[in-house]
Amino acid sequence: RDGSELVNLSSQITRDWRLSPDGTQLAFIEADLAGGLRYVPRVVEIDGATQPGAHAEAQAADAGQQALGAAWRPGASAPTFGLDTATGATAPGSAHAQAQVADSASSGFDVPLGYSADGRGLVVNHWSGTSFAAPGKVVLQVVEGDQRTSLDAYGRFLGWAQR
């Protein structure tokens, strides 16, 4: 703020920043290079009282698991992360666990992009591969309950719109 660092959330490169609907938490992915590249899901509380130059402690959301993407379901106290299949894609709180359906589309892994305003729909990048290391092909999908709708004509998701 005003040209000075207010809070240092990570000493690593970060990505996939998502603010909680109530504005009290920030979820993101930290590219941790200690011992090789790992994508670590992080969540930090935002209290608004942090002094300039302070270090806010970002907590690992899922110990030992890699993740890409973060989305907040309206009213949820924790974000949804897209967990690596090799490290727990079906864990509670993962996009794949919330979007699990009994068909061939449930193989692979999901990277969450955003929930609808009512929380019933979740847009994901669904990857056909077995892990982040072998991701396979990607397709944009809308997941609602046990239904998946592939949006083959679209490659990007910019956000939900309401009529």
Protein backbone atom coordinates (compact mmCIF):
# COMPACT_ATOMS: atom_id res chain seq x y z
CA ARG A 1 0.00 0.00 0.00
CA ASP A 2 1.36 3.42 -0.92
CA GLY A 3 4.42 1.74 -2.44
CA SER A 4 5.24 -0.39 0.60
CA GLU A 5 4.64 -4.06 1.25
CA LEU A 6 1.68 -4.54 3.56
CA VAL A 7 1.70 -8.33 3.95
CA ASN A 8 3.96 -11.07 2.64
CA LEU A 9 1.85 -14.19 2.12
CA SER A 10 4.50 -16.39 0.52
CA SER A 11 8.14 -16.42 -0.46
CA GLN A 12 7.26 -18.63 -3.45
CA ILE A 13 5.49 -17.98 -6.76
CA THR A 14 1.71 -18.08 -6.30
CA ARG A 15 -1.29 -18.50 -8.59
CA ASP A 16 -5.06 -19.13 -8.68
CA TRP A 17 -6.00 -16.44 -6.13
CA ARG A 18 -9.64 -16.51 -4.93
CA LEU A 19 -11.20 -14.35 -2.24
CA SER A 20 -13.94 -15.94 -0.11
CA PRO A 21 -17.46 -14.58 -0.69
CA ASP A 22 -17.42 -12.87 2.73
CA GLY A 23 -13.96 -11.37 2.10
CA THR A 24 -12.35 -12.88 5.22
CA GLN A 25 -10.13 -15.54 3.59
CA LEU A 26 -7.91 -15.82 0.56
CA ALA A 27 -7.21 -19.16 -1.13
CA PHE A 28 -4.31 -19.63 -3.52
CA ILE A 29 -1.80 -22.14 -4.87
CA GLU A 30 1.85 -21.85 -3.89
CA ALA A 31 4.47 -23.26 -6.28
CA ASP A 32 6.82 -24.73 -3.67
CA LEU A 33 10.27 -25.48 -5.10
CA ALA A 34 11.74 -27.14 -1.98
CA GLY A 35 12.56 -30.70 -3.08
CA GLY A 36 11.09 -30.27 -6.58
CA LEU A 37 8.02 -28.44 -7.87
CA ARG A 38 4.84 -29.00 -5.84
CA TYR A 39 1.59 -27.05 -6.06
CA VAL A 40 0.47 -26.52 -2.46
CA PRO A 41 -3.07 -25.29 -1.64
CA ARG A 42 -3.03 -22.41 0.85
CA VAL A 43 -5.62 -20.41 2.78
CA VAL A 44 -4.95 -17.23 4.74
CA GLU A 45 -7.25 -15.27 7.06
CA ILE A 46 -7.64 -11.60 6.19
CA ASP A 47 -8.31 -9.49 9.25
CA GLY A 48 -7.62 -6.02 7.88
CA ALA A 49 -5.47 -5.16 10.91
CA THR A 50 -2.12 -6.43 9.63
CA GLN A 51 0.67 -3.88 10.00
CA PRO A 52 2.89 -2.95 7.03
CA GLY A 53 5.75 -5.41 6.51
CA ALA A 54 4.05 -8.17 8.52
CA HIS A 55 3.99 -11.79 7.46
CA ALA A 56 0.52 -13.35 7.42
CA GLU A 57 0.73 -17.10 7.90
CA ALA A 58 -0.88 -18.97 5.00
CA GLN A 59 -1.94 -22.42 6.14
CA ALA A 60 -1.66 -25.49 3.94
CA ALA A 61 -5.24 -26.46 3.14
CA ASP A 62 -4.53 -30.14 2.46
CA ALA A 63 -1.28 -31.48 3.95
CA GLY A 64 0.74 -33.50 1.47
CA GLN A 65 -1.63 -32.94 -1.44
CA GLN A 66 -1.00 -31.01 -4.62
CA ALA A 67 -3.70 -28.76 -6.05
CA LEU A 68 -4.49 -26.40 -8.90
CA GLY A 69 -7.39 -23.99 -8.97
CA ALA A 70 -9.51 -22.66 -6.13
CA ALA A 71 -13.20 -21.77 -5.96
CA TRP A 72 -15.50 -20.77 -3.11
CA ARG A 73 -18.99 -22.23 -2.93
CA PRO A 74 -21.33 -19.50 -1.61
CA GLY A 75 -21.70 -19.90 2.15
CA ALA A 76 -18.81 -22.40 2.46
CA SER A 77 -16.19 -21.95 5.16
CA ALA A 78 -13.43 -23.53 3.07
CA PRO A 79 -12.50 -23.39 -0.63
CA THR A 80 -12.71 -26.15 -3.18
CA PHE A 81 -9.36 -27.11 -4.71
CA GLY A 82 -8.59 -29.26 -7.74
CA LEU A 83 -6.49 -32.00 -6.16
CA ASP A 84 -3.98 -34.10 -8.06
CA THR A 85 -5.35 -37.60 -8.65
CA ALA A 86 -2.06 -39.07 -7.42
CA THR A 87 -2.36 -37.21 -4.09
CA GLY A 88 -6.04 -37.44 -3.23
CA ALA A 89 -8.46 -36.14 -5.87
CA THR A 90 -11.38 -37.74 -4.05
CA ALA A 91 -10.59 -36.10 -0.69
CA PRO A 92 -13.37 -34.01 0.88
CA GLY A 93 -13.16 -30.42 -0.35
CA SER A 94 -11.72 -31.38 -3.73
CA ALA A 95 -13.49 -30.36 -6.91
CA HIS A 96 -13.50 -33.95 -8.11
CA ALA A 97 -15.15 -35.24 -4.94
CA GLN A 98 -17.88 -32.59 -5.20
CA ALA A 99 -18.38 -33.29 -8.89
CA GLN A 100 -18.11 -37.09 -8.72
CA VAL A 101 -20.55 -38.95 -10.99
CA ALA A 102 -20.81 -42.60 -11.93
CA ASP A 103 -19.75 -42.36 -15.56
CA SER A 104 -16.58 -42.24 -17.64
CA ALA A 105 -16.29 -38.46 -17.15
CA SER A 106 -15.44 -39.01 -13.48
CA SER A 107 -12.01 -40.42 -14.35
CA GLY A 108 -9.22 -37.88 -14.52
CA PHE A 109 -9.28 -34.76 -12.36
CA ASP A 110 -11.03 -31.40 -12.12
CA VAL A 111 -9.60 -27.91 -11.67
CA PRO A 112 -12.38 -25.66 -10.30
CA LEU A 113 -12.96 -22.30 -11.95
CA GLY A 114 -16.07 -20.92 -10.27
CA TYR A 115 -19.39 -21.66 -8.59
CA SER A 116 -22.71 -20.22 -9.67
CA ALA A 117 -24.30 -17.63 -7.36
CA ASP A 118 -26.57 -20.29 -5.82
CA GLY A 119 -23.70 -22.78 -5.42
CA ARG A 120 -25.41 -25.53 -7.44
CA GLY A 121 -23.23 -25.23 -10.54
CA LEU A 122 -19.45 -25.53 -10.66
CA VAL A 123 -17.44 -24.83 -13.81
CA VAL A 124 -14.29 -26.94 -14.05
CA ASN A 125 -11.50 -27.70 -16.44
CA HIS A 126 -11.79 -31.49 -16.56
CA TRP A 127 -8.52 -33.22 -17.43
CA SER A 128 -8.63 -36.81 -18.71
CA GLY A 129 -5.18 -37.83 -17.43
CA THR A 130 -4.03 -39.63 -14.31
CA SER A 131 -2.17 -36.78 -12.57
CA PHE A 132 -0.74 -33.28 -12.94
CA ALA A 133 2.38 -34.93 -14.38
CA ALA A 134 0.28 -36.69 -17.05
CA PRO A 135 -2.75 -34.39 -17.45
CA GLY A 136 -4.17 -35.67 -20.73
CA LYS A 137 -6.72 -33.54 -22.60
CA VAL A 138 -8.82 -30.75 -21.13
CA VAL A 139 -12.50 -29.90 -21.62
CA LEU A 140 -14.54 -27.15 -19.99
CA GLN A 141 -17.49 -28.63 -18.07
CA VAL A 142 -20.40 -27.43 -15.95
CA VAL A 143 -21.10 -29.78 -13.05
CA GLU A 144 -24.52 -29.67 -11.38
CA GLY A 145 -25.23 -32.45 -8.90
CA ASP A 146 -24.56 -35.72 -10.69
CA GLN A 147 -24.67 -34.17 -14.17
CA ARG A 148 -21.73 -32.97 -16.26
CA THR A 149 -22.17 -30.87 -19.36
CA SER A 150 -19.16 -30.50 -21.62
CA LEU A 151 -18.80 -27.14 -23.36
CA ASP A 152 -16.74 -28.28 -26.32
CA ALA A 153 -17.11 -24.98 -28.21
CA TYR A 154 -15.58 -23.00 -25.32
CA GLY A 155 -12.01 -22.93 -24.07
CA ARG A 156 -12.14 -20.36 -21.27
CA PHE A 157 -14.40 -19.45 -18.39
CA LEU A 158 -14.55 -15.78 -17.45
CA GLY A 159 -17.35 -15.98 -14.89
CA TRP A 160 -21.04 -16.57 -14.35
CA ALA A 161 -23.69 -14.17 -15.66
CA GLN A 162 -27.26 -13.88 -14.48
CA ARG A 163 -30.28 -12.79 -16.47
